[in-house]
Amino acid sequence: MSLALVRTRALEGLAAPEVTVEVHLANGLPAFSLVGLPDTEVREARDRVRAAIQSSQFEFPQRRITVNLAPADLPKEGGRFDLAIAVGILAASGQVAMERIGALEFCGELSLNGDLRPVRGVLAAALAAVRAGRGLVLPAGNATEAALAQRAEVLPAASLLAVCAHLNGHTALMRPPEASPPAAASPALPDLADVRGQLQARRALEVAAGGGHSLLLFGPPGTGKSMLAQRLPGVLPPMSEEEAIEAAAVASIEGSFDVRAWGRRPFRAPHHSASAAALVGGGAVPRPGEISMAHRGVLFLDELPEFDRRVLESLREPLETGAITISRARRRAEFPARFQLVAAMNPCPCGHHGDPQHPCRCTPDQIARYRARLSGPLLDRIDLVVEVPAIAPEALVRSPAGETSAAVRARVQVARAAQLARQGCANADLPAGSVEQYCQPDPGGEALLGQAMQRLKLSARAYHRVLRVARTLADLAAAERPGAAQVAEAIQYRRSLDSR
């Protein structure tokens, strides 16, 4: 009777809980039992592991093999356990030395010829292995991704044979050379200088970037709403290393990690036919949705009223909490969702309400029904509502080129730096309990805000959001406290769609 213990990692949201692979060999009729709540992909590892061991010129034990994936109450899915199971069988049968196994974790899918194939979620596993003080043996295709985890001892391997040669002391696996995370690529992001006119919308875009605020652009078709939204990533400040790790970890779990996108803020623009599961995440095995893929970046929803109402309502909690919890009958997972919402919509079904060049064909009742597709609670969570009016062709030709994205980004970076130094987060992320402490206006601004609360009947949430926006305006102006001018501009952004 022989027993071997090998450690690996499962996936549960952004976490990578430890899994111990216990391999037991006993006398009896040859059999291969796999227990510990495995799904179909994990159960199929029996055939992959047997073929990989034999193809690597090792002997597959003709004994009663029991593999337990502990803890037994944690669901296991995917092919990531193949390597750990194979190493455990070889160690239990005496074909691989066990001395080095205790200091390592193993993760990877095996092909039938013994080669190692990349798996998703390796960055989360590498971060967890660092905290546990162990090295991580993984497929060579995942080495660049895992190396992003600081202080990680990454040992990439091309095949099961290479892993066994390392464990037996014949040919050591070589660690990838230590290198700092790759610098953010500088793709040709759309420049704000391309936008002619629309001074108010450009100003709102700068304010949104300066404090991380949500933004709704509305106006007739062809006035530049999508064009403005696509230029927001170009004026946002660079990601910190912690933010880049978070965004990369989400992409790794979803299986779309690309090292060339390191340090680049995500920009997600799902079609209005997207389902609630596609937007917030879901599935029998919970996977991140668009709001999590946009973590620390921008989520752009074009043609906002065309989204299903239930889909839009599912955004309400993540906009407040910055996270989404997906619960299923047997699974529960939490994903980060600290995204910046930018939405665009037409003022009416035909799109020309308020356009002096094109008469509107919609009745007041049709316009009201169209705008009613956006609930009050959802609109209450949007900080800036800005009209993007139609511009006459002659005015468009005469309009000079505006400021470049680089010039706007310089001001935004100064404002964000002041916020991080003052409170440790962007103004939009300030908890309600800290708003009064950091966003208190001067006496003139306080009096103006009190009048607006009574006249506009603002909710407590809207009151706090006005203060956050006013604080951002003060940061952009390098003012110590929000004054009456900043409060007045912040209130202007809170005007309802019905008043425009």
Protein backbone atom coordinates (compact mmCIF):
# COMPACT_ATOMS: atom_id res chain seq x y z
CA MET A 1 0.00 0.00 0.00
CA SER A 2 1.40 3.45 -1.04
CA LEU A 3 0.20 7.00 -0.51
CA ALA A 4 1.31 10.32 -2.06
CA LEU A 5 0.14 13.88 -1.44
CA VAL A 6 0.42 16.57 -4.12
CA ARG A 7 -0.86 20.14 -3.86
CA THR A 8 -2.62 22.10 -6.57
CA ARG A 9 -5.18 24.91 -6.86
CA ALA A 10 -8.86 25.11 -7.81
CA LEU A 11 -10.72 28.23 -8.97
CA GLU A 12 -13.50 29.89 -6.99
CA GLY A 13 -14.19 33.38 -8.30
CA LEU A 14 -10.91 35.27 -8.10
CA ALA A 15 -9.66 32.99 -5.32
CA ALA A 16 -7.54 29.89 -5.86
CA PRO A 17 -8.23 27.61 -2.88
CA GLU A 18 -5.70 24.89 -2.17
CA VAL A 19 -6.54 21.34 -3.22
CA THR A 20 -4.63 18.32 -1.95
CA VAL A 21 -4.47 15.43 -4.39
CA GLU A 22 -4.26 12.22 -2.34
CA VAL A 23 -3.23 9.19 -4.37
CA HIS A 24 -3.62 5.74 -2.80
CA LEU A 25 -2.40 2.51 -4.41
CA ALA A 26 -3.69 -0.80 -3.04
CA ASN A 27 -3.68 -4.44 -4.09
CA GLY A 28 -6.67 -5.79 -5.92
CA LEU A 29 -8.19 -5.75 -9.36
CA PRO A 30 -6.90 -2.82 -11.46
CA ALA A 31 -9.21 0.19 -11.10
CA PHE A 32 -8.97 3.98 -11.16
CA SER A 33 -11.38 5.86 -8.89
CA LEU A 34 -11.50 9.66 -8.78
CA VAL A 35 -13.43 11.24 -5.89
CA GLY A 36 -13.75 14.67 -4.28
CA LEU A 37 -16.63 16.33 -6.16
CA PRO A 38 -15.06 16.33 -9.65
CA ASP A 39 -17.03 17.49 -12.68
CA THR A 40 -17.03 15.77 -16.07
CA GLU A 41 -13.77 17.40 -17.25
CA VAL A 42 -11.97 16.30 -14.08
CA ARG A 43 -13.31 12.74 -14.28
CA GLU A 44 -12.01 12.51 -17.84
CA ALA A 45 -8.52 13.10 -16.42
CA ARG A 46 -8.32 9.35 -15.76
CA ASP A 47 -7.92 8.64 -19.47
CA ARG A 48 -5.65 11.62 -20.13
CA VAL A 49 -3.36 10.79 -17.23
CA ARG A 50 -3.09 7.09 -18.14
CA ALA A 51 -2.16 7.87 -21.76
CA ALA A 52 0.28 10.65 -20.74
CA ILE A 53 2.10 8.41 -18.25
CA GLN A 54 2.46 5.60 -20.77
CA SER A 55 3.52 7.99 -23.56
CA SER A 56 6.23 9.39 -21.24
CA GLN A 57 7.74 5.87 -20.93
CA PHE A 58 6.60 5.36 -17.34
CA GLU A 59 4.64 2.38 -16.07
CA PHE A 60 0.99 2.92 -15.25
CA PRO A 61 0.37 0.91 -12.03
CA GLN A 62 -1.88 -2.12 -12.56
CA ARG A 63 -3.33 -1.76 -9.06
CA ARG A 64 -6.37 -0.31 -7.38
CA ILE A 65 -5.83 3.49 -7.67
CA THR A 66 -7.92 5.91 -5.61
CA VAL A 67 -7.43 9.65 -6.14
CA ASN A 68 -9.12 11.99 -3.68
CA LEU A 69 -9.31 15.75 -4.36
CA ALA A 70 -9.57 17.33 -0.91
CA PRO A 71 -11.48 19.17 0.42
CA ALA A 72 -14.33 17.00 -0.77
CA ASP A 73 -16.98 19.74 -0.54
CA LEU A 74 -15.19 22.10 -2.98
CA PRO A 75 -16.35 21.58 -6.59
CA LYS A 76 -13.48 20.87 -9.01
CA GLU A 77 -13.70 21.74 -12.71
CA GLY A 78 -11.37 21.89 -15.71
CA GLY A 79 -8.23 20.04 -16.73
CA ARG A 80 -5.94 21.91 -14.32
CA PHE A 81 -5.62 18.88 -11.98
CA ASP A 82 -4.11 16.53 -14.60
CA LEU A 83 -0.47 17.23 -13.78
CA ALA A 84 -0.94 16.92 -10.02
CA ILE A 85 -2.79 13.57 -10.43
CA ALA A 86 -0.08 12.19 -12.73
CA VAL A 87 2.73 13.26 -10.38
CA GLY A 88 0.86 11.73 -7.45
CA ILE A 89 0.45 8.37 -9.21
CA LEU A 90 4.11 8.28 -10.20
CA ALA A 91 5.20 9.25 -6.67
CA ALA A 92 2.96 6.66 -5.03
CA SER A 93 4.30 3.94 -7.35
CA GLY A 94 7.92 4.89 -6.60
CA GLN A 95 8.80 6.15 -10.08
CA VAL A 96 9.28 9.77 -8.90
CA ALA A 97 11.10 10.92 -5.75
CA MET A 98 8.85 12.50 -3.16
CA GLU A 99 11.44 14.76 -1.47
CA ARG A 100 10.79 17.84 -3.62
CA ILE A 101 7.05 17.47 -4.00
CA GLY A 102 6.16 19.05 -0.65
CA ALA A 103 7.66 22.43 -1.57
CA LEU A 104 5.83 22.66 -4.89
CA GLU A 105 2.36 23.02 -6.33
CA PHE A 106 1.39 21.58 -9.70
CA CYS A 107 -1.08 22.93 -12.25
CA GLY A 108 -1.61 21.99 -15.89
CA GLU A 109 -3.59 19.94 -18.39
CA LEU A 110 -1.98 16.89 -20.00
CA SER A 111 -2.26 15.89 -23.61
CA LEU A 112 -2.25 12.20 -24.54
CA ASN A 113 1.44 12.34 -25.51
CA GLY A 114 2.46 13.87 -22.17
CA ASP A 115 2.77 17.51 -23.26
CA LEU A 116 1.46 20.22 -20.95
CA ARG A 117 -1.26 22.55 -22.16
CA PRO A 118 -2.01 25.99 -20.69
CA VAL A 119 -4.97 26.46 -18.36
CA ARG A 120 -6.89 29.54 -17.29
CA GLY A 121 -6.62 31.21 -13.90
CA VAL A 122 -2.88 30.64 -13.47
CA LEU A 123 -2.22 34.17 -12.18
CA ALA A 124 -4.60 33.62 -9.26
CA ALA A 125 -2.89 30.28 -8.53
CA ALA A 126 0.56 31.92 -8.63
CA LEU A 127 -0.51 34.64 -6.20
CA ALA A 128 -1.90 32.01 -3.82
CA ALA A 129 1.27 29.91 -4.12
CA VAL A 130 3.37 32.94 -3.14
CA ARG A 131 1.28 33.43 -0.02
CA ALA A 132 1.71 29.74 0.83
CA GLY A 133 5.48 29.94 0.32
CA ARG A 134 5.64 27.26 -2.39
CA GLY A 135 6.85 27.12 -5.97
CA LEU A 136 4.47 26.49 -8.86
CA VAL A 137 5.11 23.98 -11.66
CA LEU A 138 2.98 24.84 -14.66
CA PRO A 139 2.81 24.65 -18.48
CA ALA A 140 5.37 26.71 -20.34
CA GLY A 141 2.52 28.53 -22.09
CA ASN A 142 1.43 30.02 -18.75
CA ALA A 143 4.91 31.11 -17.59
CA THR A 144 4.68 34.77 -18.68
CA GLU A 145 1.32 35.18 -17.02
CA ALA A 146 2.35 33.54 -13.72
CA ALA A 147 5.58 35.57 -13.58
CA LEU A 148 3.49 38.72 -13.10
CA ALA A 149 2.95 37.62 -9.49
CA GLN A 150 5.73 39.22 -7.50
CA ARG A 151 8.13 36.86 -5.70
CA ALA A 152 6.52 33.85 -7.38
CA GLU A 153 8.80 30.82 -7.88
CA VAL A 154 7.58 29.78 -11.32
CA LEU A 155 8.88 26.55 -12.85
CA PRO A 156 7.54 26.19 -16.41
CA ALA A 157 7.64 22.78 -18.07
CA ALA A 158 6.83 21.57 -21.56
CA SER A 159 5.89 18.00 -20.65
CA LEU A 160 5.27 15.50 -17.87
CA LEU A 161 8.67 13.95 -18.63
CA ALA A 162 10.40 17.30 -17.91
CA VAL A 163 8.57 17.60 -14.59
CA CYS A 164 9.60 14.10 -13.55
CA ALA A 165 13.23 14.76 -14.57
CA HIS A 166 13.22 17.79 -12.25
CA LEU A 167 11.69 15.87 -9.33
CA ASN A 168 14.19 13.02 -9.75
CA GLY A 169 17.14 15.45 -9.83
CA HIS A 170 18.19 14.75 -13.43
CA THR A 171 17.41 17.99 -15.32
CA ALA A 172 16.20 20.94 -13.30
CA LEU A 173 13.40 23.12 -14.59
CA MET A 174 14.72 26.60 -15.33
CA ARG A 175 12.96 29.59 -13.85
CA PRO A 176 12.14 32.33 -16.33
CA PRO A 177 14.48 35.32 -16.00
CA GLU A 178 13.30 37.85 -13.47
CA ALA A 179 11.86 40.89 -15.17
CA SER A 180 9.64 43.75 -14.21
CA PRO A 181 6.08 43.60 -15.53
CA PRO A 182 5.95 44.62 -19.18
CA ALA A 183 5.38 48.29 -19.75
CA ALA A 184 1.92 49.19 -20.93
CA ALA A 185 1.72 49.09 -24.67
CA SER A 186 1.09 52.40 -26.33
CA PRO A 187 -1.52 51.59 -28.96
CA ALA A 188 -2.95 54.32 -31.11
CA LEU A 189 -5.81 55.19 -28.78
CA PRO A 190 -8.40 57.56 -30.28
CA ASP A 191 -7.45 61.14 -29.46
CA LEU A 192 -9.81 63.68 -27.97
CA ALA A 193 -8.51 66.27 -30.43
CA ASP A 194 -10.61 64.54 -33.11
CA VAL A 195 -13.80 65.78 -31.44
CA ARG A 196 -14.90 69.14 -32.86
CA GLY A 197 -17.10 71.37 -30.74
CA GLN A 198 -19.12 69.71 -27.93
CA LEU A 199 -17.33 71.69 -25.25
CA GLN A 200 -19.74 70.70 -22.51
CA ALA A 201 -19.43 67.00 -23.32
CA ARG A 202 -15.63 67.28 -23.43
CA ARG A 203 -15.70 68.96 -20.04
CA ALA A 204 -17.93 66.20 -18.63
CA LEU A 205 -15.56 63.57 -20.02
CA GLU A 206 -12.66 65.23 -18.19
CA VAL A 207 -14.65 65.38 -14.95
CA ALA A 208 -15.65 61.72 -15.30
CA ALA A 209 -12.01 60.73 -15.80
CA GLY A 210 -10.84 62.99 -12.99
CA GLY A 211 -12.93 61.28 -10.32
CA GLY A 212 -13.94 57.94 -11.86
CA HIS A 213 -17.58 59.01 -12.21
CA SER A 214 -20.31 57.37 -14.29
CA LEU A 215 -21.50 59.31 -17.34
CA LEU A 216 -24.60 59.32 -19.55
CA LEU A 217 -24.42 61.05 -22.94
CA PHE A 218 -27.68 61.71 -24.77
CA GLY A 219 -28.42 63.46 -28.02
CA PRO A 220 -29.44 62.92 -31.66
CA PRO A 221 -27.69 60.32 -33.82
CA GLY A 222 -24.30 61.26 -35.22
CA THR A 223 -23.44 63.98 -32.71
CA GLY A 224 -20.37 62.19 -31.34
CA LYS A 225 -21.62 60.27 -28.28
CA SER A 226 -19.83 57.02 -29.13
CA MET A 227 -16.82 58.98 -30.37
CA LEU A 228 -16.50 60.69 -26.99
CA ALA A 229 -16.93 57.46 -25.02
CA GLN A 230 -14.23 55.71 -27.04
CA ARG A 231 -11.78 58.47 -26.10
CA LEU A 232 -12.24 58.12 -22.36
CA PRO A 233 -9.49 55.45 -21.95
CA GLY A 234 -7.04 57.87 -23.54
CA VAL A 235 -7.55 60.47 -20.79
CA LEU A 236 -7.64 58.10 -17.81
CA PRO A 237 -4.53 57.92 -15.61
CA PRO A 238 -2.24 54.89 -15.90
CA MET A 239 -3.11 51.84 -13.84
CA SER A 240 -1.22 51.17 -10.64
CA GLU A 241 0.52 47.82 -10.31
CA GLU A 242 -2.18 46.58 -7.94
CA GLU A 243 -4.94 47.58 -10.37
CA ALA A 244 -3.09 45.94 -13.27
CA ILE A 245 -2.77 42.69 -11.29
CA GLU A 246 -6.51 42.73 -10.49
CA ALA A 247 -7.51 43.32 -14.11
CA ALA A 248 -5.07 40.66 -15.35
CA ALA A 249 -6.37 38.14 -12.80
CA VAL A 250 -9.95 38.59 -14.04
CA ALA A 251 -8.85 38.18 -17.66
CA SER A 252 -6.86 35.08 -16.67
CA ILE A 253 -9.87 33.45 -15.05
CA GLU A 254 -12.02 34.22 -18.08
CA GLY A 255 -9.31 32.78 -20.32
CA SER A 256 -8.59 35.92 -22.35
CA PHE A 257 -5.34 37.09 -20.73
CA ASP A 258 -2.92 38.83 -23.10
CA VAL A 259 0.38 40.07 -21.72
CA ARG A 260 0.40 42.82 -24.35
CA ALA A 261 -2.61 44.37 -22.59
CA TRP A 262 -0.77 44.60 -19.25
CA GLY A 263 -1.32 48.00 -17.65
CA ARG A 264 -3.94 49.05 -20.21
CA ARG A 265 -7.33 49.92 -18.81
CA PRO A 266 -10.03 47.59 -20.19
CA PHE A 267 -12.70 49.02 -22.50
CA ARG A 268 -15.72 46.77 -22.89
CA ALA A 269 -18.65 47.62 -25.18
CA PRO A 270 -21.23 44.79 -25.19
CA HIS A 271 -24.06 44.82 -27.73
CA HIS A 272 -27.49 45.83 -26.47
CA SER A 273 -28.74 42.26 -27.04
CA ALA A 274 -26.48 40.99 -24.24
CA SER A 275 -28.18 38.92 -21.55
CA ALA A 276 -27.95 39.50 -17.82
CA ALA A 277 -25.59 36.53 -17.47
CA ALA A 278 -23.32 37.94 -20.18
CA LEU A 279 -23.22 41.33 -18.49
CA VAL A 280 -22.86 40.46 -14.80
CA GLY A 281 -21.57 36.89 -15.12
CA GLY A 282 -23.13 33.52 -14.49
CA GLY A 283 -23.39 29.96 -15.71
CA ALA A 284 -23.57 26.64 -13.88
CA VAL A 285 -19.89 27.21 -13.11
CA PRO A 286 -19.84 30.98 -12.43
CA ARG A 287 -17.69 32.94 -14.87
CA PRO A 288 -17.03 36.71 -14.90
CA GLY A 289 -19.24 38.89 -17.09
CA GLU A 290 -18.64 42.15 -18.91
CA ILE A 291 -18.75 44.26 -15.76
CA SER A 292 -15.93 42.19 -14.24
CA MET A 293 -13.97 42.17 -17.49
CA ALA A 294 -14.21 45.98 -17.31
CA HIS A 295 -12.78 46.01 -13.76
CA ARG A 296 -10.59 49.12 -13.29
CA GLY A 297 -11.60 50.22 -16.78
CA VAL A 298 -14.59 51.42 -18.79
CA LEU A 299 -17.91 49.72 -19.54
CA PHE A 300 -19.60 51.44 -22.49
CA LEU A 301 -23.30 50.75 -23.07
CA ASP A 302 -24.40 52.27 -26.37
CA GLU A 303 -28.12 52.62 -27.12
CA LEU A 304 -28.83 52.27 -23.40
CA PRO A 305 -32.67 52.06 -23.56
CA GLU A 306 -32.42 49.18 -26.05
CA PHE A 307 -30.95 46.91 -23.37
CA ASP A 308 -33.42 44.65 -21.62
CA ARG A 309 -34.71 46.35 -18.49
CA ARG A 310 -33.77 43.41 -16.26
CA VAL A 311 -30.24 43.53 -17.64
CA LEU A 312 -29.90 47.21 -16.75
CA GLU A 313 -31.38 46.71 -13.29
CA SER A 314 -28.71 44.10 -12.57
CA LEU A 315 -26.12 46.92 -12.71
CA ARG A 316 -27.51 48.74 -9.69
CA GLU A 317 -25.73 46.79 -6.94
CA PRO A 318 -22.32 46.53 -8.68
CA LEU A 319 -22.35 50.29 -9.32
CA GLU A 320 -22.62 50.81 -5.56
CA THR A 321 -20.44 48.00 -4.19
CA GLY A 322 -17.80 47.47 -6.90
CA ALA A 323 -18.31 43.70 -6.75
CA ILE A 324 -20.77 41.06 -7.94
CA THR A 325 -21.71 37.84 -6.15
CA ILE A 326 -23.07 35.06 -8.37
CA SER A 327 -24.99 32.37 -6.49
CA ARG A 328 -26.10 29.07 -7.95
CA ALA A 329 -27.56 25.96 -6.38
CA ARG A 330 -24.14 24.39 -5.77
CA ARG A 331 -21.71 27.20 -6.50
CA ARG A 332 -21.12 30.72 -5.27
CA ALA A 333 -18.46 33.09 -6.60
CA GLU A 334 -17.58 36.73 -6.09
CA PHE A 335 -15.90 38.81 -8.79
CA PRO A 336 -14.65 42.41 -8.64
CA ALA A 337 -16.59 44.94 -10.71
CA ARG A 338 -15.11 48.37 -10.01
CA PHE A 339 -15.85 49.73 -13.46
CA GLN A 340 -16.58 53.19 -14.83
CA LEU A 341 -19.94 53.23 -16.59
CA VAL A 342 -20.33 55.35 -19.73
CA ALA A 343 -23.65 55.12 -21.55
CA ALA A 344 -25.15 56.76 -24.62
CA MET A 345 -28.74 57.13 -25.77
CA ASN A 346 -30.98 59.04 -28.15
CA PRO A 347 -33.49 61.53 -26.72
CA CYS A 348 -36.46 59.74 -28.32
CA PRO A 349 -37.28 56.69 -30.48
CA CYS A 350 -36.64 58.52 -33.76
CA GLY A 351 -33.60 60.22 -32.25
CA HIS A 352 -34.32 63.80 -33.33
CA HIS A 353 -36.10 65.32 -30.34
CA GLY A 354 -34.61 68.79 -29.84
CA ASP A 355 -32.71 68.68 -33.14
CA PRO A 356 -33.42 71.93 -35.05
CA GLN A 357 -32.32 70.38 -38.36
CA HIS A 358 -34.57 67.30 -38.27
CA PRO A 359 -38.16 67.41 -37.01
CA CYS A 360 -39.09 64.82 -34.40
CA ARG A 361 -41.87 62.39 -35.38
CA CYS A 362 -42.48 61.06 -31.87
CA THR A 363 -45.47 61.89 -29.68
CA PRO A 364 -44.90 62.99 -26.07
CA ASP A 365 -46.27 59.65 -24.91
CA GLN A 366 -43.77 57.74 -27.08
CA ILE A 367 -40.91 59.85 -25.74
CA ALA A 368 -42.04 59.26 -22.16
CA ARG A 369 -42.28 55.50 -22.67
CA TYR A 370 -38.86 55.44 -24.33
CA ARG A 371 -37.18 57.27 -21.46
CA ALA A 372 -39.11 55.23 -18.88
CA ARG A 373 -37.10 52.19 -19.93
CA LEU A 374 -34.42 53.61 -17.63
CA SER A 375 -35.57 53.29 -14.04
CA GLY A 376 -35.20 56.06 -11.50
CA PRO A 377 -32.91 54.00 -9.22
CA LEU A 378 -30.53 53.34 -12.12
CA LEU A 379 -30.42 57.00 -13.21
CA ASP A 380 -29.89 57.99 -9.58
CA ARG A 381 -26.61 56.07 -9.67
CA ILE A 382 -25.26 57.99 -12.68
CA ASP A 383 -23.18 61.00 -11.65
CA LEU A 384 -23.12 63.03 -14.87
CA VAL A 385 -25.95 63.39 -17.39
CA VAL A 386 -24.82 65.49 -20.36
CA GLU A 387 -26.54 66.51 -23.57
CA VAL A 388 -24.60 66.17 -26.82
CA PRO A 389 -26.53 68.45 -29.22
CA ALA A 390 -26.41 68.44 -32.98
CA ILE A 391 -23.90 70.83 -34.55
CA ALA A 392 -24.57 72.70 -37.79
CA PRO A 393 -22.26 71.61 -40.65
CA GLU A 394 -20.81 75.09 -41.08
CA ALA A 395 -20.04 75.34 -37.35
CA LEU A 396 -18.45 71.90 -37.45
CA VAL A 397 -16.12 72.96 -40.26
CA ARG A 398 -15.12 76.19 -38.54
CA SER A 399 -14.56 74.61 -35.12
CA PRO A 400 -10.85 74.39 -34.26
CA ALA A 401 -9.31 71.16 -33.05
CA GLY A 402 -9.72 70.73 -29.31
CA GLU A 403 -7.20 69.78 -26.66
CA THR A 404 -5.39 66.52 -27.12
CA SER A 405 -5.94 63.54 -24.87
CA ALA A 406 -2.42 63.99 -23.49
CA ALA A 407 -3.18 67.54 -22.28
CA VAL A 408 -6.41 66.47 -20.60
CA ARG A 409 -4.78 63.37 -19.12
CA ALA A 410 -2.11 65.53 -17.47
CA ARG A 411 -4.77 67.45 -15.53
CA VAL A 412 -6.61 64.23 -14.70
CA GLN A 413 -3.44 62.66 -13.30
CA VAL A 414 -2.83 65.64 -11.03
CA ALA A 415 -6.40 65.44 -9.72
CA ARG A 416 -6.22 61.68 -9.16
CA ALA A 417 -2.88 62.01 -7.38
CA ALA A 418 -4.41 64.55 -5.00
CA GLN A 419 -7.29 62.17 -4.28
CA LEU A 420 -5.01 59.22 -3.58
CA ALA A 421 -2.86 61.33 -1.26
CA ARG A 422 -5.91 62.70 0.57
CA GLN A 423 -8.19 59.67 0.92
CA GLY A 424 -6.51 56.70 -0.78
CA CYS A 425 -9.08 56.24 -3.56
CA ALA A 426 -10.84 58.07 -6.38
CA ASN A 427 -13.68 60.39 -5.40
CA ALA A 428 -16.29 58.12 -7.01
CA ASP A 429 -15.15 55.27 -4.74
CA LEU A 430 -15.45 57.22 -1.50
CA PRO A 431 -17.70 55.39 0.99
CA ALA A 432 -20.73 57.29 2.23
CA GLY A 433 -19.24 57.68 5.68
CA SER A 434 -16.24 59.58 4.30
CA VAL A 435 -18.07 61.95 1.96
CA GLU A 436 -18.78 64.54 4.64
CA GLN A 437 -15.16 64.41 5.80
CA TYR A 438 -13.45 64.90 2.44
CA CYS A 439 -16.07 66.62 0.25
CA GLN A 440 -17.51 69.28 2.57
CA PRO A 441 -18.04 72.50 0.53
CA ASP A 442 -17.40 76.02 1.80
CA PRO A 443 -20.33 78.01 3.27
CA GLY A 444 -21.40 79.37 -0.13
CA GLY A 445 -21.41 75.95 -1.72
CA GLU A 446 -23.19 74.43 1.28
CA ALA A 447 -26.00 76.99 1.09
CA LEU A 448 -26.43 76.42 -2.65
CA LEU A 449 -26.54 72.66 -2.18
CA GLY A 450 -29.20 72.98 0.51
CA GLN A 451 -31.41 75.00 -1.83
CA ALA A 452 -30.91 72.46 -4.62
CA MET A 453 -31.87 69.60 -2.31
CA GLN A 454 -35.22 71.25 -1.64
CA ARG A 455 -36.00 72.42 -5.18
CA LEU A 456 -34.80 69.34 -7.07
CA LYS A 457 -35.87 66.86 -4.36
CA LEU A 458 -32.55 65.03 -4.50
CA SER A 459 -32.23 61.70 -2.72
CA ALA A 460 -29.58 61.05 -0.10
CA ARG A 461 -27.63 59.07 -2.71
CA ALA A 462 -27.83 61.98 -5.17
CA TYR A 463 -26.70 64.36 -2.43
CA HIS A 464 -23.56 62.31 -1.84
CA ARG A 465 -22.90 61.97 -5.56
CA VAL A 466 -23.17 65.73 -6.06
CA LEU A 467 -20.62 66.22 -3.29
CA ARG A 468 -18.24 63.70 -4.88
CA VAL A 469 -18.49 65.40 -8.28
CA ALA A 470 -18.00 68.82 -6.68
CA ARG A 471 -14.89 67.47 -4.94
CA THR A 472 -13.55 66.30 -8.32
CA LEU A 473 -14.23 69.71 -9.86
CA ALA A 474 -12.33 71.30 -6.98
CA ASP A 475 -9.42 68.89 -7.51
CA LEU A 476 -9.28 69.78 -11.21
CA ALA A 477 -9.22 73.45 -10.23
CA ALA A 478 -6.62 72.81 -7.49
CA ALA A 479 -9.03 74.23 -4.90
CA GLU A 480 -8.82 73.24 -1.25
CA ARG A 481 -12.61 72.88 -0.84
CA PRO A 482 -15.53 72.81 -3.28
CA GLY A 483 -17.00 76.26 -3.67
CA ALA A 484 -20.30 77.57 -5.02
CA ALA A 485 -19.04 77.34 -8.62
CA GLN A 486 -18.08 73.67 -8.26
CA VAL A 487 -21.33 72.80 -6.47
CA ALA A 488 -23.40 74.62 -9.13
CA GLU A 489 -21.66 72.71 -11.94
CA ALA A 490 -22.12 69.40 -10.11
CA ILE A 491 -25.83 70.12 -9.65
CA GLN A 492 -26.13 70.95 -13.34
CA TYR A 493 -24.97 67.41 -14.15
CA ARG A 494 -27.74 65.97 -11.93
CA ARG A 495 -30.60 67.43 -13.95
CA SER A 496 -33.05 64.75 -14.98
CA LEU A 497 -33.64 63.72 -18.59
CA ASP A 498 -37.19 65.11 -18.41
CA SER A 499 -35.84 68.62 -17.86
CA ARG A 500 -33.70 68.55 -21.02
